[in-house]
Amino acid sequence: DSLHIPLPYAELRKSYKKFTEATTTNFISTANEGKYVHRINIPWTVVRTNADSVSGNQLFWKPPVIKFLIKDYTMYGEARQLNVWAVAASVVVIVLTAFVFMRKRT
């Protein structure tokens, strides 16, 4: 307290406690009535997910409210992109190896 202003700490604690109780109660009642849809856009091809539905590169979860109010609800999605440079380097190595073996035979 660098300004040395007296504050009514007891009253602030009471009002904060009332505010947090009311907010928690309102959130739980509002969350219990809601329908939730989570959407994630993945930039590459989807390989594995626990999403309820997949549309192209979009993953959709529509969990029942009870699933994430009571316990943690894990949403995951894995995507993969082809590494063109690694494929090209592998092809070059295979071709050079085949060329070396063919040259030794002749």
C-alpha atoms as a PDB file:
ATOM      1  CA  ASP A   1       0.000   0.000   0.000  1.00  0.00           C
ATOM      2  CA  SER A   2       2.254   2.788  -1.237  1.00  0.00           C
ATOM      3  CA  LEU A   3      -0.496   5.438  -1.223  1.00  0.00           C
ATOM      4  CA  HIS A   4      -1.414   4.807   2.452  1.00  0.00           C
ATOM      5  CA  ILE A   5      -5.136   4.804   1.721  1.00  0.00           C
ATOM      6  CA  PRO A   6      -7.101   2.904   4.353  1.00  0.00           C
ATOM      7  CA  LEU A   7      -9.264   0.187   2.853  1.00  0.00           C
ATOM      8  CA  PRO A   8     -12.114  -1.690   4.559  1.00  0.00           C
ATOM      9  CA  TYR A   9     -10.582  -5.187   4.169  1.00  0.00           C
ATOM     10  CA  ALA A  10     -13.328  -6.964   6.116  1.00  0.00           C
ATOM     11  CA  GLU A  11     -16.064  -5.579   3.837  1.00  0.00           C
ATOM     12  CA  LEU A  12     -14.041  -6.336   0.710  1.00  0.00           C
ATOM     13  CA  ARG A  13     -13.581  -9.964   1.777  1.00  0.00           C
ATOM     14  CA  LYS A  14     -17.326 -10.380   2.415  1.00  0.00           C
ATOM     15  CA  SER A  15     -18.305  -8.882  -0.932  1.00  0.00           C
ATOM     16  CA  TYR A  16     -15.663 -10.970  -2.741  1.00  0.00           C
ATOM     17  CA  LYS A  17     -16.940 -14.159  -1.109  1.00  0.00           C
ATOM     18  CA  LYS A  18     -20.547 -13.328  -2.124  1.00  0.00           C
ATOM     19  CA  PHE A  19     -19.405 -12.509  -5.673  1.00  0.00           C
ATOM     20  CA  THR A  20     -17.466 -15.767  -6.140  1.00  0.00           C
ATOM     21  CA  GLU A  21     -20.305 -17.886  -4.744  1.00  0.00           C
ATOM     22  CA  ALA A  22     -22.857 -16.205  -7.018  1.00  0.00           C
ATOM     23  CA  THR A  23     -20.575 -16.450 -10.051  1.00  0.00           C
ATOM     24  CA  THR A  24     -19.871 -20.150  -9.484  1.00  0.00           C
ATOM     25  CA  THR A  25     -23.546 -20.948  -9.021  1.00  0.00           C
ATOM     26  CA  ASN A  26     -24.530 -18.969 -12.123  1.00  0.00           C
ATOM     27  CA  PHE A  27     -21.818 -20.591 -14.197  1.00  0.00           C
ATOM     28  CA  ILE A  28     -22.793 -24.120 -13.206  1.00  0.00           C
ATOM     29  CA  SER A  29     -26.490 -23.511 -13.879  1.00  0.00           C
ATOM     30  CA  THR A  30     -25.728 -21.843 -17.233  1.00  0.00           C
ATOM     31  CA  ALA A  31     -23.191 -24.496 -18.225  1.00  0.00           C
ATOM     32  CA  ASN A  32     -25.584 -27.298 -17.347  1.00  0.00           C
ATOM     33  CA  GLU A  33     -28.229 -25.949 -19.740  1.00  0.00           C
ATOM     34  CA  GLY A  34     -25.893 -25.306 -22.666  1.00  0.00           C
ATOM     35  CA  LYS A  35     -25.018 -27.290 -25.735  1.00  0.00           C
ATOM     36  CA  TYR A  36     -21.387 -27.023 -26.693  1.00  0.00           C
ATOM     37  CA  VAL A  37     -19.630 -27.563 -29.991  1.00  0.00           C
ATOM     38  CA  HIS A  38     -15.853 -27.343 -30.208  1.00  0.00           C
ATOM     39  CA  ARG A  39     -14.278 -26.930 -33.637  1.00  0.00           C
ATOM     40  CA  ILE A  40     -10.593 -27.066 -34.480  1.00  0.00           C
ATOM     41  CA  ASN A  41      -9.102 -26.486 -37.922  1.00  0.00           C
ATOM     42  CA  ILE A  42      -6.016 -28.613 -38.592  1.00  0.00           C
ATOM     43  CA  PRO A  43      -3.812 -27.531 -41.505  1.00  0.00           C
ATOM     44  CA  TRP A  44      -2.872 -31.019 -42.738  1.00  0.00           C
ATOM     45  CA  THR A  45      -4.435 -34.424 -43.255  1.00  0.00           C
ATOM     46  CA  VAL A  46      -6.087 -35.798 -40.112  1.00  0.00           C
ATOM     47  CA  VAL A  47      -4.544 -39.106 -39.054  1.00  0.00           C
ATOM     48  CA  ARG A  48      -6.119 -39.860 -35.666  1.00  0.00           C
ATOM     49  CA  THR A  49      -8.672 -38.125 -33.443  1.00  0.00           C
ATOM     50  CA  ASN A  50     -11.376 -38.690 -30.857  1.00  0.00           C
ATOM     51  CA  ALA A  51     -13.661 -36.079 -32.453  1.00  0.00           C
ATOM     52  CA  ASP A  52     -17.349 -36.824 -32.877  1.00  0.00           C
ATOM     53  CA  SER A  53     -17.162 -35.831 -36.544  1.00  0.00           C
ATOM     54  CA  VAL A  54     -14.551 -34.822 -39.103  1.00  0.00           C
ATOM     55  CA  SER A  55     -15.186 -32.649 -42.138  1.00  0.00           C
ATOM     56  CA  GLY A  56     -12.085 -32.216 -44.270  1.00  0.00           C
ATOM     57  CA  ASN A  57      -9.521 -30.709 -41.924  1.00  0.00           C
ATOM     58  CA  GLN A  58     -12.061 -29.602 -39.324  1.00  0.00           C
ATOM     59  CA  LEU A  59     -12.654 -31.614 -36.171  1.00  0.00           C
ATOM     60  CA  PHE A  60     -15.927 -31.277 -34.232  1.00  0.00           C
ATOM     61  CA  TRP A  61     -16.659 -32.346 -30.659  1.00  0.00           C
ATOM     62  CA  LYS A  62     -20.179 -32.187 -29.204  1.00  0.00           C
ATOM     63  CA  PRO A  63     -19.700 -33.543 -25.685  1.00  0.00           C
ATOM     64  CA  PRO A  64     -22.601 -33.883 -23.277  1.00  0.00           C
ATOM     65  CA  VAL A  65     -22.324 -31.275 -20.542  1.00  0.00           C
ATOM     66  CA  ILE A  66     -21.998 -33.884 -17.827  1.00  0.00           C
ATOM     67  CA  LYS A  67     -18.761 -35.181 -19.403  1.00  0.00           C
ATOM     68  CA  PHE A  68     -16.737 -32.046 -18.723  1.00  0.00           C
ATOM     69  CA  LEU A  69     -18.529 -30.745 -15.622  1.00  0.00           C
ATOM     70  CA  ILE A  70     -17.692 -33.805 -13.564  1.00  0.00           C
ATOM     71  CA  LYS A  71     -14.283 -34.781 -14.940  1.00  0.00           C
ATOM     72  CA  ASP A  72     -11.689 -33.681 -17.474  1.00  0.00           C
ATOM     73  CA  TYR A  73     -12.640 -34.123 -21.111  1.00  0.00           C
ATOM     74  CA  THR A  74      -9.712 -34.657 -23.462  1.00  0.00           C
ATOM     75  CA  MET A  75      -9.981 -33.681 -27.097  1.00  0.00           C
ATOM     76  CA  TYR A  76      -7.150 -34.617 -29.416  1.00  0.00           C
ATOM     77  CA  GLY A  77      -6.354 -34.679 -33.080  1.00  0.00           C
ATOM     78  CA  GLU A  78      -3.228 -35.742 -34.925  1.00  0.00           C
ATOM     79  CA  ALA A  79      -2.287 -34.563 -38.385  1.00  0.00           C
ATOM     80  CA  ARG A  80       0.488 -35.415 -40.787  1.00  0.00           C
ATOM     81  CA  GLN A  81       2.064 -33.638 -43.726  1.00  0.00           C
ATOM     82  CA  LEU A  82       4.253 -35.364 -46.277  1.00  0.00           C
ATOM     83  CA  ASN A  83       7.842 -34.137 -46.101  1.00  0.00           C
ATOM     84  CA  VAL A  84       8.683 -33.777 -49.793  1.00  0.00           C
ATOM     85  CA  TRP A  85      12.384 -33.075 -49.197  1.00  0.00           C
ATOM     86  CA  ALA A  86      12.842 -36.292 -47.191  1.00  0.00           C
ATOM     87  CA  VAL A  87      11.124 -38.326 -49.917  1.00  0.00           C
ATOM     88  CA  ALA A  88      13.233 -36.693 -52.641  1.00  0.00           C
ATOM     89  CA  ALA A  89      16.469 -37.287 -50.698  1.00  0.00           C
ATOM     90  CA  SER A  90      15.509 -40.942 -50.120  1.00  0.00           C
ATOM     91  CA  VAL A  91      14.802 -41.458 -53.830  1.00  0.00           C
ATOM     92  CA  VAL A  92      18.168 -39.901 -54.759  1.00  0.00           C
ATOM     93  CA  VAL A  93      20.014 -42.166 -52.285  1.00  0.00           C
ATOM     94  CA  ILE A  94      18.211 -45.274 -53.600  1.00  0.00           C
ATOM     95  CA  VAL A  95      18.927 -44.372 -57.229  1.00  0.00           C
ATOM     96  CA  LEU A  96      22.615 -43.676 -56.498  1.00  0.00           C
ATOM     97  CA  THR A  97      22.946 -46.946 -54.557  1.00  0.00           C
ATOM     98  CA  ALA A  98      21.348 -48.903 -57.411  1.00  0.00           C
ATOM     99  CA  PHE A  99      23.641 -47.141 -59.898  1.00  0.00           C
ATOM    100  CA  VAL A 100      26.759 -48.044 -57.867  1.00  0.00           C
ATOM    101  CA  PHE A 101      25.740 -51.726 -57.595  1.00  0.00           C
ATOM    102  CA  MET A 102      24.905 -51.958 -61.326  1.00  0.00           C
ATOM    103  CA  ARG A 103      28.227 -50.379 -62.249  1.00  0.00           C
ATOM    104  CA  LYS A 104      30.208 -52.888 -60.141  1.00  0.00           C
ATOM    105  CA  ARG A 105      28.515 -55.832 -61.882  1.00  0.00           C
ATOM    106  CA  THR A 106      29.600 -54.717 -65.344  1.00  0.00           C
END
